[in-house]
Amino acid sequence: MTTRSVLNLSACTALLLMTACSFRGPIATADPCNSGVCKVDVTVSDCTVKTGFTVSEPLLKVGAPNRIEWTLVTSGYSFVSDGIDIKKNDGVFEDPKVMGGGKKFSWYDRHNSAPSYAPKDYDYLINVVKDNGSVTCGHFDPRISNF
């Protein structure tokens, strides 16, 4: 082997080792469901349009019975009495509550303990009102996935 070949091989080996050592894998995200509660943050930028809402978990994956708790992180808005309106609720979801002065809303997801249980997705609407009552807000429809 020539000196040049040895240098090229050494450079390639060093590059390969640096690349392999710097790889840390995919970034882990926190599971939104812990200790019997799934938490979802709701941000409102303009409640008069569908695109004016964002949620921290657009597809909330629930693998066991849990209370799901939505929190409005944007000031100036509150959940109404049907703040989270689960479409086609077939008895899996129960005990809806407005909490925290309208800043939180929760449902209990019975998941596989419900008589009608089958793995499926549930669309839901988010219903809020501006605290000063000046704006009637539209709806936003993310999803819960019971698996």
C-alpha atoms as a PDB file:
ATOM      1  CA  MET A   1       0.000   0.000   0.000  1.00  0.00           C
ATOM      2  CA  THR A   2       1.274   3.459  -0.840  1.00  0.00           C
ATOM      3  CA  THR A   3       1.554   6.277   1.656  1.00  0.00           C
ATOM      4  CA  ARG A   4      -1.238   8.093  -0.147  1.00  0.00           C
ATOM      5  CA  SER A   5      -3.564   5.066   0.124  1.00  0.00           C
ATOM      6  CA  VAL A   6      -2.815   4.744   3.828  1.00  0.00           C
ATOM      7  CA  LEU A   7      -3.606   8.447   4.376  1.00  0.00           C
ATOM      8  CA  ASN A   8      -6.877   8.200   2.420  1.00  0.00           C
ATOM      9  CA  LEU A   9      -7.867   5.083   4.345  1.00  0.00           C
ATOM     10  CA  SER A  10      -7.028   6.782   7.661  1.00  0.00           C
ATOM     11  CA  ALA A  11      -9.031   9.873   6.722  1.00  0.00           C
ATOM     12  CA  CYS A  12     -12.047   7.763   5.711  1.00  0.00           C
ATOM     13  CA  THR A  13     -11.850   5.726   8.926  1.00  0.00           C
ATOM     14  CA  ALA A  14     -11.665   8.897  11.036  1.00  0.00           C
ATOM     15  CA  LEU A  15     -14.661  10.407   9.212  1.00  0.00           C
ATOM     16  CA  LEU A  16     -16.657   7.215   9.655  1.00  0.00           C
ATOM     17  CA  LEU A  17     -15.888   7.094  13.390  1.00  0.00           C
ATOM     18  CA  MET A  18     -16.787  10.767  13.888  1.00  0.00           C
ATOM     19  CA  THR A  19     -20.086  10.290  12.081  1.00  0.00           C
ATOM     20  CA  ALA A  20     -20.948   7.122  14.004  1.00  0.00           C
ATOM     21  CA  CYS A  21     -20.057   8.655  17.361  1.00  0.00           C
ATOM     22  CA  SER A  22     -22.077  11.807  16.723  1.00  0.00           C
ATOM     23  CA  PHE A  23     -25.286   9.932  15.837  1.00  0.00           C
ATOM     24  CA  ARG A  24     -27.665  10.023  18.762  1.00  0.00           C
ATOM     25  CA  GLY A  25     -30.739   8.536  17.165  1.00  0.00           C
ATOM     26  CA  PRO A  26     -34.197  10.067  16.949  1.00  0.00           C
ATOM     27  CA  ILE A  27     -35.151  12.711  19.454  1.00  0.00           C
ATOM     28  CA  ALA A  28     -37.389  11.211  22.111  1.00  0.00           C
ATOM     29  CA  THR A  29     -40.609  13.056  22.878  1.00  0.00           C
ATOM     30  CA  ALA A  30     -42.440  12.897  26.164  1.00  0.00           C
ATOM     31  CA  ASP A  31     -45.487  10.666  26.313  1.00  0.00           C
ATOM     32  CA  PRO A  32     -48.525  12.909  26.893  1.00  0.00           C
ATOM     33  CA  CYS A  33     -50.171  10.129  28.974  1.00  0.00           C
ATOM     34  CA  ASN A  34     -48.668   9.614  32.433  1.00  0.00           C
ATOM     35  CA  SER A  35     -50.100   8.451  35.757  1.00  0.00           C
ATOM     36  CA  GLY A  36     -53.643   8.119  34.408  1.00  0.00           C
ATOM     37  CA  VAL A  37     -53.807  11.566  32.767  1.00  0.00           C
ATOM     38  CA  CYS A  38     -53.191  12.546  29.136  1.00  0.00           C
ATOM     39  CA  LYS A  39     -52.373  16.243  28.747  1.00  0.00           C
ATOM     40  CA  VAL A  40     -53.022  18.314  25.638  1.00  0.00           C
ATOM     41  CA  ASP A  41     -52.160  22.013  25.328  1.00  0.00           C
ATOM     42  CA  VAL A  42     -54.442  24.169  23.171  1.00  0.00           C
ATOM     43  CA  THR A  43     -53.110  27.387  21.629  1.00  0.00           C
ATOM     44  CA  VAL A  44     -55.423  29.917  19.985  1.00  0.00           C
ATOM     45  CA  SER A  45     -54.078  32.521  17.547  1.00  0.00           C
ATOM     46  CA  ASP A  46     -57.364  33.426  15.828  1.00  0.00           C
ATOM     47  CA  CYS A  47     -60.425  31.522  16.949  1.00  0.00           C
ATOM     48  CA  THR A  48     -62.555  32.710  14.033  1.00  0.00           C
ATOM     49  CA  VAL A  49     -60.798  30.330  11.609  1.00  0.00           C
ATOM     50  CA  LYS A  50     -60.013  26.595  11.778  1.00  0.00           C
ATOM     51  CA  THR A  51     -56.317  27.250  11.259  1.00  0.00           C
ATOM     52  CA  GLY A  52     -56.280  29.559  14.280  1.00  0.00           C
ATOM     53  CA  PHE A  53     -56.002  26.633  16.725  1.00  0.00           C
ATOM     54  CA  THR A  54     -53.101  24.305  17.413  1.00  0.00           C
ATOM     55  CA  VAL A  55     -52.852  21.420  19.862  1.00  0.00           C
ATOM     56  CA  SER A  56     -49.758  19.772  21.291  1.00  0.00           C
ATOM     57  CA  GLU A  57     -51.133  16.346  20.268  1.00  0.00           C
ATOM     58  CA  PRO A  58     -53.087  16.564  16.970  1.00  0.00           C
ATOM     59  CA  LEU A  59     -53.438  12.759  17.095  1.00  0.00           C
ATOM     60  CA  LEU A  60     -53.526  11.839  20.784  1.00  0.00           C
ATOM     61  CA  LYS A  61     -52.685   8.141  21.133  1.00  0.00           C
ATOM     62  CA  VAL A  62     -54.316   6.579  24.192  1.00  0.00           C
ATOM     63  CA  GLY A  63     -53.404   2.989  25.048  1.00  0.00           C
ATOM     64  CA  ALA A  64     -55.321   2.528  28.328  1.00  0.00           C
ATOM     65  CA  PRO A  65     -58.085   4.150  30.397  1.00  0.00           C
ATOM     66  CA  ASN A  66     -57.063   7.743  31.175  1.00  0.00           C
ATOM     67  CA  ARG A  67     -58.507  11.143  31.965  1.00  0.00           C
ATOM     68  CA  ILE A  68     -57.725  13.459  29.050  1.00  0.00           C
ATOM     69  CA  GLU A  69     -57.094  17.047  30.088  1.00  0.00           C
ATOM     70  CA  TRP A  70     -56.964  19.930  27.619  1.00  0.00           C
ATOM     71  CA  THR A  71     -55.423  23.213  28.818  1.00  0.00           C
ATOM     72  CA  LEU A  72     -55.825  26.569  27.086  1.00  0.00           C
ATOM     73  CA  VAL A  73     -52.332  28.070  27.089  1.00  0.00           C
ATOM     74  CA  THR A  74     -53.472  31.274  25.374  1.00  0.00           C
ATOM     75  CA  SER A  75     -54.880  33.915  27.693  1.00  0.00           C
ATOM     76  CA  GLY A  76     -58.143  35.626  26.819  1.00  0.00           C
ATOM     77  CA  TYR A  77     -60.125  32.465  25.959  1.00  0.00           C
ATOM     78  CA  SER A  78     -62.202  29.961  27.922  1.00  0.00           C
ATOM     79  CA  PHE A  79     -63.779  26.602  27.199  1.00  0.00           C
ATOM     80  CA  VAL A  80     -67.582  26.608  26.948  1.00  0.00           C
ATOM     81  CA  SER A  81     -69.758  23.887  28.550  1.00  0.00           C
ATOM     82  CA  ASP A  82     -69.153  21.587  25.536  1.00  0.00           C
ATOM     83  CA  GLY A  83     -65.528  22.760  25.220  1.00  0.00           C
ATOM     84  CA  ILE A  84     -64.406  19.388  23.889  1.00  0.00           C
ATOM     85  CA  ASP A  85     -67.193  17.855  21.819  1.00  0.00           C
ATOM     86  CA  ILE A  86     -66.299  14.266  20.926  1.00  0.00           C
ATOM     87  CA  LYS A  87     -67.978  13.297  17.677  1.00  0.00           C
ATOM     88  CA  LYS A  88     -69.649   9.883  17.637  1.00  0.00           C
ATOM     89  CA  ASN A  89     -69.008   9.178  21.312  1.00  0.00           C
ATOM     90  CA  ASP A  90     -70.129   5.572  21.645  1.00  0.00           C
ATOM     91  CA  GLY A  91     -69.908   5.423  25.435  1.00  0.00           C
ATOM     92  CA  VAL A  92     -66.126   5.248  25.607  1.00  0.00           C
ATOM     93  CA  PHE A  93     -65.891   8.842  26.893  1.00  0.00           C
ATOM     94  CA  GLU A  94     -67.661   9.986  30.049  1.00  0.00           C
ATOM     95  CA  ASP A  95     -67.633  12.605  32.796  1.00  0.00           C
ATOM     96  CA  PRO A  96     -66.910  15.822  30.829  1.00  0.00           C
ATOM     97  CA  LYS A  97     -65.790  18.728  33.015  1.00  0.00           C
ATOM     98  CA  VAL A  98     -64.913  22.396  32.598  1.00  0.00           C
ATOM     99  CA  MET A  99     -62.244  23.182  35.193  1.00  0.00           C
ATOM    100  CA  GLY A 100     -59.831  25.896  36.235  1.00  0.00           C
ATOM    101  CA  GLY A 101     -62.182  28.792  35.578  1.00  0.00           C
ATOM    102  CA  GLY A 102     -62.723  27.647  31.986  1.00  0.00           C
ATOM    103  CA  LYS A 103     -59.004  27.203  31.202  1.00  0.00           C
ATOM    104  CA  LYS A 104     -59.152  23.384  31.360  1.00  0.00           C
ATOM    105  CA  PHE A 105     -61.529  20.751  30.032  1.00  0.00           C
ATOM    106  CA  SER A 106     -61.442  17.008  30.638  1.00  0.00           C
ATOM    107  CA  TRP A 107     -63.106  13.742  29.657  1.00  0.00           C
ATOM    108  CA  TYR A 108     -62.525  10.266  31.071  1.00  0.00           C
ATOM    109  CA  ASP A 109     -61.571   7.838  28.295  1.00  0.00           C
ATOM    110  CA  ARG A 110     -62.737   4.369  29.404  1.00  0.00           C
ATOM    111  CA  HIS A 111     -60.756   2.880  26.531  1.00  0.00           C
ATOM    112  CA  ASN A 112     -60.929  -0.926  26.622  1.00  0.00           C
ATOM    113  CA  SER A 113     -63.087  -1.014  29.771  1.00  0.00           C
ATOM    114  CA  ALA A 114     -66.073   0.337  27.816  1.00  0.00           C
ATOM    115  CA  PRO A 115     -68.648  -2.259  26.667  1.00  0.00           C
ATOM    116  CA  SER A 116     -68.473  -0.978  23.087  1.00  0.00           C
ATOM    117  CA  TYR A 117     -64.662  -1.000  22.940  1.00  0.00           C
ATOM    118  CA  ALA A 118     -62.914  -1.434  19.638  1.00  0.00           C
ATOM    119  CA  PRO A 119     -59.663   0.251  18.603  1.00  0.00           C
ATOM    120  CA  LYS A 120     -60.656   3.359  16.695  1.00  0.00           C
ATOM    121  CA  ASP A 121     -60.118   7.063  16.213  1.00  0.00           C
ATOM    122  CA  TYR A 122     -62.443   9.742  17.573  1.00  0.00           C
ATOM    123  CA  ASP A 123     -62.628  13.204  16.051  1.00  0.00           C
ATOM    124  CA  TYR A 124     -63.502  16.040  18.395  1.00  0.00           C
ATOM    125  CA  LEU A 125     -64.280  19.733  18.248  1.00  0.00           C
ATOM    126  CA  ILE A 126     -62.669  22.377  20.433  1.00  0.00           C
ATOM    127  CA  ASN A 127     -65.157  25.072  21.451  1.00  0.00           C
ATOM    128  CA  VAL A 128     -63.931  28.240  23.135  1.00  0.00           C
ATOM    129  CA  VAL A 129     -65.174  31.772  23.624  1.00  0.00           C
ATOM    130  CA  LYS A 130     -63.237  34.993  23.972  1.00  0.00           C
ATOM    131  CA  ASP A 131     -63.302  36.002  27.644  1.00  0.00           C
ATOM    132  CA  ASN A 132     -64.736  39.448  26.885  1.00  0.00           C
ATOM    133  CA  GLY A 133     -67.530  37.877  24.785  1.00  0.00           C
ATOM    134  CA  SER A 134     -66.618  39.947  21.732  1.00  0.00           C
ATOM    135  CA  VAL A 135     -65.954  36.998  19.432  1.00  0.00           C
ATOM    136  CA  THR A 136     -67.868  33.830  18.705  1.00  0.00           C
ATOM    137  CA  CYS A 137     -65.187  31.296  17.988  1.00  0.00           C
ATOM    138  CA  GLY A 138     -65.133  28.647  15.309  1.00  0.00           C
ATOM    139  CA  HIS A 139     -64.261  25.001  15.848  1.00  0.00           C
ATOM    140  CA  PHE A 140     -61.091  22.979  15.450  1.00  0.00           C
ATOM    141  CA  ASP A 141     -61.149  19.213  15.010  1.00  0.00           C
ATOM    142  CA  PRO A 142     -58.169  17.094  16.067  1.00  0.00           C
ATOM    143  CA  ARG A 143     -58.396  13.377  16.926  1.00  0.00           C
ATOM    144  CA  ILE A 144     -58.025  10.818  19.745  1.00  0.00           C
ATOM    145  CA  SER A 145     -56.767   7.361  18.752  1.00  0.00           C
ATOM    146  CA  ASN A 146     -57.649   4.505  21.109  1.00  0.00           C
ATOM    147  CA  PHE A 147     -55.453   1.562  20.211  1.00  0.00           C
END
